[in-house]
PDB file of N, CA and C in Angstrom:
ATOM      1  N   UNK A   1      14.863  24.590  -0.977  1.00  0.00           N
ATOM      2  CA  UNK A   1      14.464  23.765  -1.995  1.00  0.00           C
ATOM      3  C   UNK A   1      13.096  23.662  -2.007  1.00  0.00           C
ATOM      4  N   UNK A   2      13.038  24.272  -3.984  1.00  0.00           N
ATOM      5  CA  UNK A   2      11.323  24.889  -3.510  1.00  0.00           C
ATOM      6  C   UNK A   2      10.689  23.263  -3.539  1.00  0.00           C
ATOM      7  N   UNK A   3       8.780  23.415  -3.365  1.00  0.00           N
ATOM      8  CA  UNK A   3       7.669  22.897  -3.389  1.00  0.00           C
ATOM      9  C   UNK A   3       8.257  21.696  -4.543  1.00  0.00           C
ATOM     10  N   UNK A   4       8.578  22.041  -5.710  1.00  0.00           N
ATOM     11  CA  UNK A   4       8.741  21.220  -6.302  1.00  0.00           C
ATOM     12  C   UNK A   4       9.832  20.415  -6.514  1.00  0.00           C
ATOM     13  N   UNK A   5      11.113  20.979  -6.485  1.00  0.00           N
ATOM     14  CA  UNK A   5      11.902  20.489  -6.626  1.00  0.00           C
ATOM     15  C   UNK A   5      12.123  18.876  -5.621  1.00  0.00           C
ATOM     16  N   UNK A   6      11.111  19.400  -4.608  1.00  0.00           N
ATOM     17  CA  UNK A   6      11.372  18.298  -3.262  1.00  0.00           C
ATOM     18  C   UNK A   6      10.320  16.921  -3.678  1.00  0.00           C
ATOM     19  N   UNK A   7       9.645  17.935  -4.441  1.00  0.00           N
ATOM     20  CA  UNK A   7       8.219  16.645  -4.995  1.00  0.00           C
ATOM     21  C   UNK A   7       9.663  15.688  -5.934  1.00  0.00           C
ATOM     22  N   UNK A   8       9.861  15.981  -6.976  1.00  0.00           N
ATOM     23  CA  UNK A   8      10.613  15.257  -8.019  1.00  0.00           C
ATOM     24  C   UNK A   8      11.913  14.719  -7.069  1.00  0.00           C
ATOM     25  N   UNK A   9      12.297  15.005  -5.701  1.00  0.00           N
ATOM     26  CA  UNK A   9      13.426  14.578  -5.467  1.00  0.00           C
ATOM     27  C   UNK A   9      13.035  13.577  -4.803  1.00  0.00           C
ATOM     28  N   UNK A  10      11.802  13.005  -3.751  1.00  0.00           N
ATOM     29  CA  UNK A  10      11.123  12.387  -3.394  1.00  0.00           C
ATOM     30  C   UNK A  10      10.570  10.828  -4.202  1.00  0.00           C
ATOM     31  N   UNK A  11      10.023  11.692  -5.425  1.00  0.00           N
ATOM     32  CA  UNK A  11       9.465  10.451  -6.308  1.00  0.00           C
ATOM     33  C   UNK A  11      10.312   9.667  -6.559  1.00  0.00           C
ATOM     34  N   UNK A  12      11.797  10.663  -7.266  1.00  0.00           N
ATOM     35  CA  UNK A  12      13.077   9.708  -8.066  1.00  0.00           C
ATOM     36  C   UNK A  12      13.428   8.680  -6.577  1.00  0.00           C
ATOM     37  N   UNK A  13      13.263   9.235  -5.429  1.00  0.00           N
ATOM     38  CA  UNK A  13      14.250   8.435  -4.372  1.00  0.00           C
ATOM     39  C   UNK A  13      13.219   6.965  -4.291  1.00  0.00           C
ATOM     40  N   UNK A  14      11.879   7.211  -4.165  1.00  0.00           N
ATOM     41  CA  UNK A  14      10.736   6.140  -4.177  1.00  0.00           C
ATOM     42  C   UNK A  14      10.758   5.692  -5.604  1.00  0.00           C
ATOM     43  N   UNK A  15      11.034   5.847  -6.581  1.00  0.00           N
ATOM     44  CA  UNK A  15      11.386   4.973  -8.219  1.00  0.00           C
ATOM     45  C   UNK A  15      12.649   4.302  -7.849  1.00  0.00           C
ATOM     46  N   UNK A  16      13.707   5.463  -7.832  1.00  0.00           N
ATOM     47  CA  UNK A  16      14.829   4.543  -8.775  1.00  0.00           C
ATOM     48  C   UNK A  16      15.987   4.238  -7.400  1.00  0.00           C
ATOM     49  N   UNK A  17      16.130   4.668  -6.356  1.00  0.00           N
ATOM     50  CA  UNK A  17      17.055   3.984  -4.990  1.00  0.00           C
ATOM     51  C   UNK A  17      17.335   3.018  -5.494  1.00  0.00           C
ATOM     52  N   UNK A  18      18.668   3.267  -5.607  1.00  0.00           N
ATOM     53  CA  UNK A  18      19.561   1.475  -6.067  1.00  0.00           C
ATOM     54  C   UNK A  18      19.617   0.925  -5.239  1.00  0.00           C
ATOM     55  N   UNK A  19      18.429   0.927  -4.055  1.00  0.00           N
ATOM     56  CA  UNK A  19      18.522  -0.844  -3.516  1.00  0.00           C
ATOM     57  C   UNK A  19      17.226  -0.272  -3.161  1.00  0.00           C
ATOM     58  N   UNK A  20      16.550   0.220  -2.918  1.00  0.00           N
ATOM     59  CA  UNK A  20      14.876   0.293  -2.408  1.00  0.00           C
ATOM     60  C   UNK A  20      13.375   0.772  -3.323  1.00  0.00           C
ATOM     61  N   UNK A  21      14.174   1.356  -5.064  1.00  0.00           N
ATOM     62  CA  UNK A  21      13.323   2.350  -5.535  1.00  0.00           C
ATOM     63  C   UNK A  21      12.398   0.957  -5.926  1.00  0.00           C
ATOM     64  N   UNK A  22      11.333   1.279  -5.912  1.00  0.00           N
ATOM     65  CA  UNK A  22      10.373   0.247  -6.532  1.00  0.00           C
ATOM     66  C   UNK A  22      10.683   0.441  -8.620  1.00  0.00           C
ATOM     67  N   UNK A  23      10.964   0.748  -8.832  1.00  0.00           N
ATOM     68  CA  UNK A  23      11.485   0.130 -10.209  1.00  0.00           C
ATOM     69  C   UNK A  23      12.508  -0.464 -10.653  1.00  0.00           C
ATOM     70  N   UNK A  24      13.816   0.304  -9.707  1.00  0.00           N
ATOM     71  CA  UNK A  24      14.813  -0.753  -9.957  1.00  0.00           C
ATOM     72  C   UNK A  24      14.722  -2.040  -9.220  1.00  0.00           C
ATOM     73  N   UNK A  25      14.032  -2.521  -7.786  1.00  0.00           N
ATOM     74  CA  UNK A  25      13.740  -3.534  -6.850  1.00  0.00           C
ATOM     75  C   UNK A  25      12.710  -4.912  -8.501  1.00  0.00           C
ATOM     76  N   UNK A  26      11.542  -4.093  -8.723  1.00  0.00           N
ATOM     77  CA  UNK A  26      11.245  -4.060 -10.422  1.00  0.00           C
ATOM     78  C   UNK A  26      11.802  -5.058 -12.072  1.00  0.00           C
ATOM     79  N   UNK A  27      12.748  -4.300 -11.736  1.00  0.00           N
ATOM     80  CA  UNK A  27      13.208  -4.669 -12.860  1.00  0.00           C
ATOM     81  C   UNK A  27      14.373  -5.393 -12.690  1.00  0.00           C
ATOM     82  N   UNK A  28      15.236  -5.773 -11.378  1.00  0.00           N
ATOM     83  CA  UNK A  28      16.044  -6.917 -11.203  1.00  0.00           C
ATOM     84  C   UNK A  28      15.460  -7.711 -10.475  1.00  0.00           C
ATOM     85  N   UNK A  29      14.148  -8.267 -11.478  1.00  0.00           N
ATOM     86  CA  UNK A  29      13.681  -9.121 -10.503  1.00  0.00           C
ATOM     87  C   UNK A  29      12.885  -9.889  -8.961  1.00  0.00           C
ATOM     88  N   UNK A  30      12.883  -8.476  -8.342  1.00  0.00           N
ATOM     89  CA  UNK A  30      12.415  -8.495  -6.938  1.00  0.00           C
ATOM     90  C   UNK A  30      10.532  -8.502  -6.489  1.00  0.00           C
ATOM     91  N   UNK A  31      10.576  -8.312  -7.805  1.00  0.00           N
ATOM     92  CA  UNK A  31       8.651  -8.312  -7.856  1.00  0.00           C
ATOM     93  C   UNK A  31       8.418  -6.999  -7.542  1.00  0.00           C
ATOM     94  N   UNK A  32       7.101  -6.867  -7.901  1.00  0.00           N
ATOM     95  CA  UNK A  32       6.325  -5.482  -7.000  1.00  0.00           C
ATOM     96  C   UNK A  32       6.238  -5.666  -5.854  1.00  0.00           C
ATOM     97  N   UNK A  33       6.809  -4.130  -5.308  1.00  0.00           N
ATOM     98  CA  UNK A  33       6.851  -3.631  -3.491  1.00  0.00           C
ATOM     99  C   UNK A  33       5.774  -3.458  -3.220  1.00  0.00           C
ATOM    100  N   UNK A  34       4.605  -3.848  -2.842  1.00  0.00           N
ATOM    101  CA  UNK A  34       3.150  -3.670  -2.479  1.00  0.00           C
ATOM    102  C   UNK A  34       4.044  -2.118  -1.687  1.00  0.00           C
ATOM    103  N   UNK A  35       4.139  -2.102  -0.612  1.00  0.00           N
ATOM    104  CA  UNK A  35       4.815  -0.522  -0.046  1.00  0.00           C
ATOM    105  C   UNK A  35       4.832   0.177  -0.750  1.00  0.00           C
ATOM    106  N   UNK A  36       6.197   0.046  -1.727  1.00  0.00           N
ATOM    107  CA  UNK A  36       5.978   0.983  -1.959  1.00  0.00           C
ATOM    108  C   UNK A  36       4.868   1.391  -3.127  1.00  0.00           C
ATOM    109  N   UNK A  37       4.623   0.223  -3.380  1.00  0.00           N
ATOM    110  CA  UNK A  37       3.176   0.831  -4.517  1.00  0.00           C
ATOM    111  C   UNK A  37       2.397   1.618  -3.797  1.00  0.00           C
ATOM    112  N   UNK A  38       1.473   1.316  -2.329  1.00  0.00           N
ATOM    113  CA  UNK A  38       1.002   2.198  -1.571  1.00  0.00           C
ATOM    114  C   UNK A  38       2.233   3.500  -1.344  1.00  0.00           C
ATOM    115  N   UNK A  39       2.928   3.593  -1.308  1.00  0.00           N
ATOM    116  CA  UNK A  39       3.714   4.846  -1.266  1.00  0.00           C
ATOM    117  C   UNK A  39       3.836   5.468  -2.193  1.00  0.00           C
ATOM    118  N   UNK A  40       3.941   5.476  -3.894  1.00  0.00           N
ATOM    119  CA  UNK A  40       3.675   5.703  -4.772  1.00  0.00           C
ATOM    120  C   UNK A  40       1.687   6.616  -5.091  1.00  0.00           C
ATOM    121  N   UNK A  41       0.920   5.511  -4.763  1.00  0.00           N
ATOM    122  CA  UNK A  41      -0.257   5.805  -4.671  1.00  0.00           C
ATOM    123  C   UNK A  41      -0.433   7.039  -3.374  1.00  0.00           C
ATOM    124  N   UNK A  42       0.467   6.784  -2.753  1.00  0.00           N
ATOM    125  CA  UNK A  42      -0.206   8.204  -1.442  1.00  0.00           C
ATOM    126  C   UNK A  42       0.671   9.042  -1.869  1.00  0.00           C
ATOM    127  N   UNK A  43       2.139   9.122  -3.079  1.00  0.00           N
ATOM    128  CA  UNK A  43       2.565  10.703  -3.597  1.00  0.00           C
ATOM    129  C   UNK A  43       1.553  11.030  -4.653  1.00  0.00           C
ATOM    130  N   UNK A  44       0.922  10.125  -5.265  1.00  0.00           N
ATOM    131  CA  UNK A  44       0.210  10.582  -6.767  1.00  0.00           C
ATOM    132  C   UNK A  44      -1.543  11.170  -6.032  1.00  0.00           C
ATOM    133  N   UNK A  45      -2.156  10.914  -4.585  1.00  0.00           N
ATOM    134  CA  UNK A  45      -2.973  11.229  -4.502  1.00  0.00           C
ATOM    135  C   UNK A  45      -3.127  12.991  -3.792  1.00  0.00           C
ATOM    136  N   UNK A  46      -1.178  13.063  -3.541  1.00  0.00           N
ATOM    137  CA  UNK A  46      -0.891  14.087  -2.624  1.00  0.00           C
ATOM    138  C   UNK A  46      -0.785  15.510  -3.820  1.00  0.00           C
ATOM    139  N   UNK A  47      -0.534  14.455  -5.171  1.00  0.00           N
ATOM    140  CA  UNK A  47       0.375  15.297  -6.157  1.00  0.00           C
ATOM    141  C   UNK A  47      -1.362  15.608  -7.448  1.00  0.00           C
ATOM    142  N   UNK A  48      -2.399  14.793  -7.714  1.00  0.00           N
ATOM    143  CA  UNK A  48      -3.733  15.320  -8.206  1.00  0.00           C
ATOM    144  C   UNK A  48      -4.920  16.573  -7.220  1.00  0.00           C
ATOM    145  N   UNK A  49      -4.527  16.203  -5.939  1.00  0.00           N
ATOM    146  CA  UNK A  49      -4.950  16.963  -4.714  1.00  0.00           C
ATOM    147  C   UNK A  49      -4.158  18.666  -5.483  1.00  0.00           C
ATOM    148  N   UNK A  50      -2.979  18.704  -5.124  1.00  0.00           N
ATOM    149  CA  UNK A  50      -2.485  20.009  -5.646  1.00  0.00           C
ATOM    150  C   UNK A  50      -3.067  20.421  -6.849  1.00  0.00           C
ATOM    151  N   UNK A  51      -2.697  19.613  -7.263  1.00  0.00           N
ATOM    152  CA  UNK A  51      -2.449  20.424  -9.397  1.00  0.00           C
ATOM    153  C   UNK A  51      -3.842  19.646 -10.427  1.00  0.00           C
ATOM    154  N   UNK A  52      -4.919  19.396  -9.319  1.00  0.00           N
ATOM    155  CA  UNK A  52      -6.265  18.875 -10.273  1.00  0.00           C
ATOM    156  C   UNK A  52      -6.718  20.029 -11.308  1.00  0.00           C
ATOM    157  N   UNK A  53      -6.477  21.390 -10.228  1.00  0.00           N
ATOM    158  CA  UNK A  53      -7.387  22.352 -10.379  1.00  0.00           C
ATOM    159  C   UNK A  53      -6.525  23.414 -11.416  1.00  0.00           C
ATOM    160  N   UNK A  54      -5.154  23.439 -12.069  1.00  0.00           N
ATOM    161  CA  UNK A  54      -4.250  23.833 -12.202  1.00  0.00           C
ATOM    162  C   UNK A  54      -4.422  23.621 -13.783  1.00  0.00           C
ATOM    163  N   UNK A  55      -3.916  24.294 -14.724  1.00  0.00           N
ATOM    164  CA  UNK A  55      -4.004  24.100 -16.559  1.00  0.00           C
ATOM    165  C   UNK A  55      -2.597  23.335 -16.939  1.00  0.00           C
ATOM    166  N   UNK A  56      -1.317  23.064 -15.334  1.00  0.00           N
ATOM    167  CA  UNK A  56      -0.249  22.816 -16.434  1.00  0.00           C
ATOM    168  C   UNK A  56      -0.048  21.533 -15.006  1.00  0.00           C
ATOM    169  N   UNK A  57       1.311  20.936 -15.009  1.00  0.00           N
ATOM    170  CA  UNK A  57       1.471  20.367 -14.072  1.00  0.00           C
ATOM    171  C   UNK A  57       3.156  20.660 -14.137  1.00  0.00           C
ATOM    172  N   UNK A  58       3.725  20.811 -13.325  1.00  0.00           N
ATOM    173  CA  UNK A  58       5.663  20.664 -13.163  1.00  0.00           C
ATOM    174  C   UNK A  58       5.959  20.098 -14.226  1.00  0.00           C
ATOM    175  N   UNK A  59       7.213  19.917 -15.298  1.00  0.00           N
ATOM    176  CA  UNK A  59       7.807  18.778 -16.350  1.00  0.00           C
ATOM    177  C   UNK A  59       7.895  17.947 -15.682  1.00  0.00           C
ATOM    178  N   UNK A  60       8.916  18.337 -15.402  1.00  0.00           N
ATOM    179  CA  UNK A  60       9.904  16.898 -14.426  1.00  0.00           C
ATOM    180  C   UNK A  60       9.554  16.033 -13.562  1.00  0.00           C
ATOM    181  N   UNK A  61       8.037  16.651 -13.587  1.00  0.00           N
ATOM    182  CA  UNK A  61       7.175  15.508 -12.317  1.00  0.00           C
ATOM    183  C   UNK A  61       6.503  14.321 -13.936  1.00  0.00           C
ATOM    184  N   UNK A  62       5.931  15.611 -14.345  1.00  0.00           N
ATOM    185  CA  UNK A  62       5.174  14.797 -15.327  1.00  0.00           C
ATOM    186  C   UNK A  62       6.335  13.769 -16.480  1.00  0.00           C
ATOM    187  N   UNK A  63       7.558  14.352 -16.817  1.00  0.00           N
ATOM    188  CA  UNK A  63       8.330  13.606 -17.224  1.00  0.00           C
ATOM    189  C   UNK A  63       8.193  12.236 -16.401  1.00  0.00           C
ATOM    190  N   UNK A  64       9.083  12.250 -15.043  1.00  0.00           N
ATOM    191  CA  UNK A  64       8.861  11.057 -14.241  1.00  0.00           C
ATOM    192  C   UNK A  64       8.083   9.811 -14.488  1.00  0.00           C
ATOM    193  N   UNK A  65       6.496  10.782 -14.219  1.00  0.00           N
ATOM    194  CA  UNK A  65       5.456  10.200 -13.630  1.00  0.00           C
ATOM    195  C   UNK A  65       5.021   9.008 -15.444  1.00  0.00           C
ATOM    196  N   UNK A  66       5.563   9.419 -16.608  1.00  0.00           N
ATOM    197  CA  UNK A  66       4.961   9.093 -17.934  1.00  0.00           C
ATOM    198  C   UNK A  66       6.097   8.067 -17.867  1.00  0.00           C
ATOM    199  N   UNK A  67       7.427   8.136 -17.733  1.00  0.00           N
ATOM    200  CA  UNK A  67       8.619   7.265 -17.549  1.00  0.00           C
ATOM    201  C   UNK A  67       8.001   5.551 -16.778  1.00  0.00           C
ATOM    202  N   UNK A  68       7.156   5.899 -15.665  1.00  0.00           N
ATOM    203  CA  UNK A  68       7.000   4.088 -15.112  1.00  0.00           C
ATOM    204  C   UNK A  68       6.299   2.820 -15.487  1.00  0.00           C
ATOM    205  N   UNK A  69       4.782   3.604 -16.133  1.00  0.00           N
ATOM    206  CA  UNK A  69       4.670   2.300 -16.560  1.00  0.00           C
ATOM    207  C   UNK A  69       4.810   1.942 -18.039  1.00  0.00           C
ATOM    208  N   UNK A  70       5.704   2.276 -19.131  1.00  0.00           N
ATOM    209  CA  UNK A  70       6.670   1.655 -19.649  1.00  0.00           C
ATOM    210  C   UNK A  70       7.740   0.840 -19.521  1.00  0.00           C
ATOM    211  N   UNK A  71       8.628   1.822 -18.427  1.00  0.00           N
ATOM    212  CA  UNK A  71       9.589   1.327 -17.685  1.00  0.00           C
ATOM    213  C   UNK A  71       8.853  -0.669 -16.933  1.00  0.00           C
ATOM    214  N   UNK A  72       7.554  -0.680 -16.534  1.00  0.00           N
ATOM    215  CA  UNK A  72       6.927  -1.751 -16.080  1.00  0.00           C
ATOM    216  C   UNK A  72       6.414  -2.604 -16.947  1.00  0.00           C
ATOM    217  N   UNK A  73       6.020  -2.279 -17.844  1.00  0.00           N
ATOM    218  CA  UNK A  73       6.250  -3.216 -18.558  1.00  0.00           C
ATOM    219  C   UNK A  73       6.946  -3.736 -20.097  1.00  0.00           C
ATOM    220  N   UNK A  74       7.627  -3.198 -19.540  1.00  0.00           N
ATOM    221  CA  UNK A  74       8.841  -3.571 -20.505  1.00  0.00           C
ATOM    222  C   UNK A  74       9.362  -4.832 -19.832  1.00  0.00           C
ATOM    223  N   UNK A  75       9.687  -4.924 -18.499  1.00  0.00           N
ATOM    224  CA  UNK A  75       9.924  -5.726 -17.109  1.00  0.00           C
ATOM    225  C   UNK A  75       9.277  -6.546 -16.472  1.00  0.00           C
ATOM    226  N   UNK A  76       8.437  -6.279 -17.500  1.00  0.00           N
ATOM    227  CA  UNK A  76       7.312  -7.955 -17.294  1.00  0.00           C
ATOM    228  C   UNK A  76       7.689  -9.573 -17.641  1.00  0.00           C
ATOM    229  N   UNK A  77       8.081  -9.490 -18.763  1.00  0.00           N
ATOM    230  CA  UNK A  77       8.354 -10.882 -18.680  1.00  0.00           C
ATOM    231  C   UNK A  77       9.545 -11.557 -17.899  1.00  0.00           C
ATOM    232  N   UNK A  78       9.987 -10.570 -17.271  1.00  0.00           N
ATOM    233  CA  UNK A  78      11.158 -10.550 -16.288  1.00  0.00           C
ATOM    234  C   UNK A  78      10.023 -11.705 -15.486  1.00  0.00           C
ATOM    235  N   UNK A  79       8.564 -11.741 -15.150  1.00  0.00           N
ATOM    236  CA  UNK A  79       7.989 -12.940 -14.492  1.00  0.00           C
ATOM    237  C   UNK A  79       6.949 -13.792 -14.889  1.00  0.00           C
ATOM    238  N   UNK A  80       7.180 -13.891 -16.313  1.00  0.00           N
ATOM    239  CA  UNK A  80       6.557 -14.705 -17.374  1.00  0.00           C
ATOM    240  C   UNK A  80       6.332 -16.488 -16.917  1.00  0.00           C
ATOM    241  N   UNK A  81       7.238 -16.628 -15.719  1.00  0.00           N
ATOM    242  CA  UNK A  81       8.039 -17.596 -16.052  1.00  0.00           C
ATOM    243  C   UNK A  81       6.597 -18.579 -14.573  1.00  0.00           C
ATOM    244  N   UNK A  82       5.922 -17.246 -14.292  1.00  0.00           N
ATOM    245  CA  UNK A  82       4.492 -17.982 -13.256  1.00  0.00           C
ATOM    246  C   UNK A  82       3.758 -17.398 -13.809  1.00  0.00           C
ATOM    247  N   UNK A  83       3.158 -17.307 -14.361  1.00  0.00           N
ATOM    248  CA  UNK A  83       0.881 -17.027 -15.206  1.00  0.00           C
ATOM    249  C   UNK A  83       0.800 -16.116 -13.897  1.00  0.00           C
ATOM    250  N   UNK A  84       0.433 -16.771 -12.826  1.00  0.00           N
ATOM    251  CA  UNK A  84      -0.808 -15.754 -11.984  1.00  0.00           C
ATOM    252  C   UNK A  84      -0.107 -15.043 -11.217  1.00  0.00           C
ATOM    253  N   UNK A  85       1.648 -14.969 -11.195  1.00  0.00           N
ATOM    254  CA  UNK A  85       2.434 -13.215 -10.586  1.00  0.00           C
ATOM    255  C   UNK A  85       1.957 -12.517 -11.737  1.00  0.00           C
ATOM    256  N   UNK A  86       2.510 -12.548 -13.068  1.00  0.00           N
ATOM    257  CA  UNK A  86       2.374 -12.565 -14.018  1.00  0.00           C
ATOM    258  C   UNK A  86       1.119 -11.606 -14.030  1.00  0.00           C
ATOM    259  N   UNK A  87       0.365 -12.445 -14.373  1.00  0.00           N
ATOM    260  CA  UNK A  87      -0.612 -11.073 -14.783  1.00  0.00           C
ATOM    261  C   UNK A  87      -1.204 -10.910 -13.484  1.00  0.00           C
ATOM    262  N   UNK A  88      -1.226 -10.670 -11.760  1.00  0.00           N
ATOM    263  CA  UNK A  88      -1.111  -9.937 -10.768  1.00  0.00           C
ATOM    264  C   UNK A  88      -0.281  -8.781 -11.270  1.00  0.00           C
ATOM    265  N   UNK A  89       0.462  -9.079 -11.801  1.00  0.00           N
ATOM    266  CA  UNK A  89       1.146  -7.764 -12.041  1.00  0.00           C
ATOM    267  C   UNK A  89       0.693  -6.772 -13.235  1.00  0.00           C
ATOM    268  N   UNK A  90       0.508  -7.649 -13.693  1.00  0.00           N
ATOM    269  CA  UNK A  90      -0.851  -7.116 -15.179  1.00  0.00           C
ATOM    270  C   UNK A  90      -1.650  -5.875 -14.546  1.00  0.00           C
ATOM    271  N   UNK A  91      -2.333  -6.677 -13.824  1.00  0.00           N
ATOM    272  CA  UNK A  91      -3.560  -6.311 -13.288  1.00  0.00           C
ATOM    273  C   UNK A  91      -3.100  -4.751 -12.805  1.00  0.00           C
ATOM    274  N   UNK A  92      -1.897  -4.931 -11.531  1.00  0.00           N
ATOM    275  CA  UNK A  92      -1.593  -3.915 -10.976  1.00  0.00           C
ATOM    276  C   UNK A  92      -1.052  -2.637 -11.726  1.00  0.00           C
ATOM    277  N   UNK A  93      -0.757  -3.166 -12.936  1.00  0.00           N
ATOM    278  CA  UNK A  93      -0.193  -2.052 -13.636  1.00  0.00           C
ATOM    279  C   UNK A  93      -1.292  -1.557 -14.314  1.00  0.00           C
ATOM    280  N   UNK A  94      -1.737  -2.468 -14.900  1.00  0.00           N
ATOM    281  CA  UNK A  94      -2.928  -1.299 -15.845  1.00  0.00           C
ATOM    282  C   UNK A  94      -3.936  -0.534 -14.253  1.00  0.00           C
ATOM    283  N   UNK A  95      -3.933  -0.899 -12.886  1.00  0.00           N
ATOM    284  CA  UNK A  95      -4.748  -0.054 -11.921  1.00  0.00           C
ATOM    285  C   UNK A  95      -3.715   1.282 -11.932  1.00  0.00           C
ATOM    286  N   UNK A  96      -2.480   0.985 -11.656  1.00  0.00           N
ATOM    287  CA  UNK A  96      -1.659   2.287 -11.989  1.00  0.00           C
ATOM    288  C   UNK A  96      -1.667   2.898 -13.188  1.00  0.00           C
ATOM    289  N   UNK A  97      -1.888   2.590 -14.181  1.00  0.00           N
ATOM    290  CA  UNK A  97      -2.652   3.300 -15.376  1.00  0.00           C
ATOM    291  C   UNK A  97      -3.628   4.279 -15.539  1.00  0.00           C
ATOM    292  N   UNK A  98      -4.342   3.136 -14.583  1.00  0.00           N
ATOM    293  CA  UNK A  98      -5.187   4.674 -14.578  1.00  0.00           C
ATOM    294  C   UNK A  98      -5.283   5.317 -14.137  1.00  0.00           C
ATOM    295  N   UNK A  99      -4.375   5.616 -12.621  1.00  0.00           N
ATOM    296  CA  UNK A  99      -4.840   6.577 -11.866  1.00  0.00           C
ATOM    297  C   UNK A  99      -3.632   7.515 -12.463  1.00  0.00           C
ATOM    298  N   UNK A 100      -2.486   6.897 -13.271  1.00  0.00           N
ATOM    299  CA  UNK A 100      -1.628   7.888 -14.078  1.00  0.00           C
ATOM    300  C   UNK A 100      -2.461   9.360 -14.003  1.00  0.00           C
ATOM    301  N   UNK A 101      -3.722   8.426 -15.103  1.00  0.00           N
ATOM    302  CA  UNK A 101      -4.308   9.090 -16.515  1.00  0.00           C
ATOM    303  C   UNK A 101      -5.052  10.097 -14.997  1.00  0.00           C
ATOM    304  N   UNK A 102      -5.973   9.778 -14.352  1.00  0.00           N
ATOM    305  CA  UNK A 102      -6.520  10.353 -13.344  1.00  0.00           C
ATOM    306  C   UNK A 102      -5.426  11.582 -12.598  1.00  0.00           C
ATOM    307  N   UNK A 103      -4.475  10.986 -11.897  1.00  0.00           N
ATOM    308  CA  UNK A 103      -3.621  12.309 -11.621  1.00  0.00           C
ATOM    309  C   UNK A 103      -3.495  13.234 -12.546  1.00  0.00           C
ATOM    310  N   UNK A 104      -2.848  12.660 -14.061  1.00  0.00           N
ATOM    311  CA  UNK A 104      -1.883  13.828 -15.099  1.00  0.00           C
ATOM    312  C   UNK A 104      -2.858  14.969 -15.181  1.00  0.00           C
ATOM    313  N   UNK A 105      -4.429  13.848 -16.100  1.00  0.00           N
ATOM    314  CA  UNK A 105      -5.217  14.532 -16.174  1.00  0.00           C
ATOM    315  C   UNK A 105      -6.852  14.841 -15.873  1.00  0.00           C
ATOM    316  N   UNK A 106      -6.728  15.279 -14.683  1.00  0.00           N
ATOM    317  CA  UNK A 106      -8.034  14.769 -14.257  1.00  0.00           C
ATOM    318  C   UNK A 106      -9.308  15.848 -14.423  1.00  0.00           C
ATOM    319  N   UNK A 107     -10.548  14.853 -14.828  1.00  0.00           N
ATOM    320  CA  UNK A 107     -11.679  15.823 -14.554  1.00  0.00           C
ATOM    321  C   UNK A 107     -12.466  16.101 -13.987  1.00  0.00           C
ATOM    322  N   UNK A 108     -12.479  16.906 -13.783  1.00  0.00           N
ATOM    323  CA  UNK A 108     -13.266  17.146 -12.406  1.00  0.00           C
ATOM    324  C   UNK A 108     -14.493  17.118 -12.457  1.00  0.00           C
ATOM    325  N   UNK A 109     -14.955  16.927 -13.375  1.00  0.00           N
ATOM    326  CA  UNK A 109     -16.924  16.364 -13.258  1.00  0.00           C
ATOM    327  C   UNK A 109     -17.028  14.779 -13.636  1.00  0.00           C
ATOM    328  N   UNK A 110     -15.900  14.544 -14.010  1.00  0.00           N
ATOM    329  CA  UNK A 110     -15.472  12.477 -13.588  1.00  0.00           C
ATOM    330  C   UNK A 110     -16.581  12.284 -12.566  1.00  0.00           C
ATOM    331  N   UNK A 111     -17.431  11.641 -12.415  1.00  0.00           N
ATOM    332  CA  UNK A 111     -18.004  11.123 -11.193  1.00  0.00           C
ATOM    333  C   UNK A 111     -17.009  10.616  -9.937  1.00  0.00           C
ATOM    334  N   UNK A 112     -15.856   9.944 -10.582  1.00  0.00           N
ATOM    335  CA  UNK A 112     -14.665   9.666 -10.004  1.00  0.00           C
ATOM    336  C   UNK A 112     -13.774  10.319  -8.752  1.00  0.00           C
ATOM    337  N   UNK A 113     -14.075  11.732  -8.994  1.00  0.00           N
ATOM    338  CA  UNK A 113     -12.708  12.251  -9.515  1.00  0.00           C
ATOM    339  C   UNK A 113     -12.216  12.057  -7.418  1.00  0.00           C
ATOM    340  N   UNK A 114     -13.168  12.027  -7.154  1.00  0.00           N
ATOM    341  CA  UNK A 114     -12.477  11.984  -5.551  1.00  0.00           C
ATOM    342  C   UNK A 114     -12.432  10.762  -4.954  1.00  0.00           C
ATOM    343  N   UNK A 115     -12.622   9.428  -6.323  1.00  0.00           N
ATOM    344  CA  UNK A 115     -11.950   8.444  -6.155  1.00  0.00           C
ATOM    345  C   UNK A 115     -10.927   8.116  -5.382  1.00  0.00           C
ATOM    346  N   UNK A 116     -10.058   7.444  -4.358  1.00  0.00           N
ATOM    347  CA  UNK A 116      -8.789   7.240  -3.972  1.00  0.00           C
ATOM    348  C   UNK A 116      -8.059   6.679  -5.657  1.00  0.00           C
ATOM    349  N   UNK A 117      -7.464   7.191  -5.673  1.00  0.00           N
ATOM    350  CA  UNK A 117      -6.846   6.855  -7.204  1.00  0.00           C
ATOM    351  C   UNK A 117      -6.322   5.623  -6.497  1.00  0.00           C
ATOM    352  N   UNK A 118      -5.965   4.709  -5.803  1.00  0.00           N
ATOM    353  CA  UNK A 118      -5.967   3.519  -5.706  1.00  0.00           C
ATOM    354  C   UNK A 118      -7.767   2.095  -5.548  1.00  0.00           C
ATOM    355  N   UNK A 119      -8.366   2.816  -5.669  1.00  0.00           N
ATOM    356  CA  UNK A 119      -8.992   2.264  -5.681  1.00  0.00           C
ATOM    357  C   UNK A 119     -10.086   2.628  -7.486  1.00  0.00           C
ATOM    358  N   UNK A 120      -9.665   2.887  -8.252  1.00  0.00           N
ATOM    359  CA  UNK A 120      -9.930   3.140  -9.759  1.00  0.00           C
ATOM    360  C   UNK A 120      -9.715   2.165 -10.438  1.00  0.00           C
TER     361      UNK A 120
END
C-alpha cells in the first residue's frame, strides 16, 4: 500500500469507524471526542509537514478533509439543548476550520506557519 493510500485509510478510520469514528460519534449525539480531535490534529500536522511545499495535495485526501466541517456544522443542532456545550463545540469547530485552511493551503510566509495547528 502506498503512502497516500495509507494516509487515506487512516483518516477514514479516524473519522468514520462505525463505533469510534470522530464524525460518527458526533453525528450520533455522543459529543466531540477530544481524544479523536487530538488525533485529527496530529494527522493534520503530519499532512501539513508533508505537503506544505507541494503545489498539490492528493485529491482523495483533500476530498475527505473538506467534508469534515460541513458534517460538524450540520450536526451542531443536536447539541442545541445545552447552550454552553453548543458554544464549546462551535469554538472547537472554528479552530479546526482555521487548522484545516492552514493545512490545505499553507502560506510559508505566514508568521503562524510553524504554529501547531491546534493552537491557531
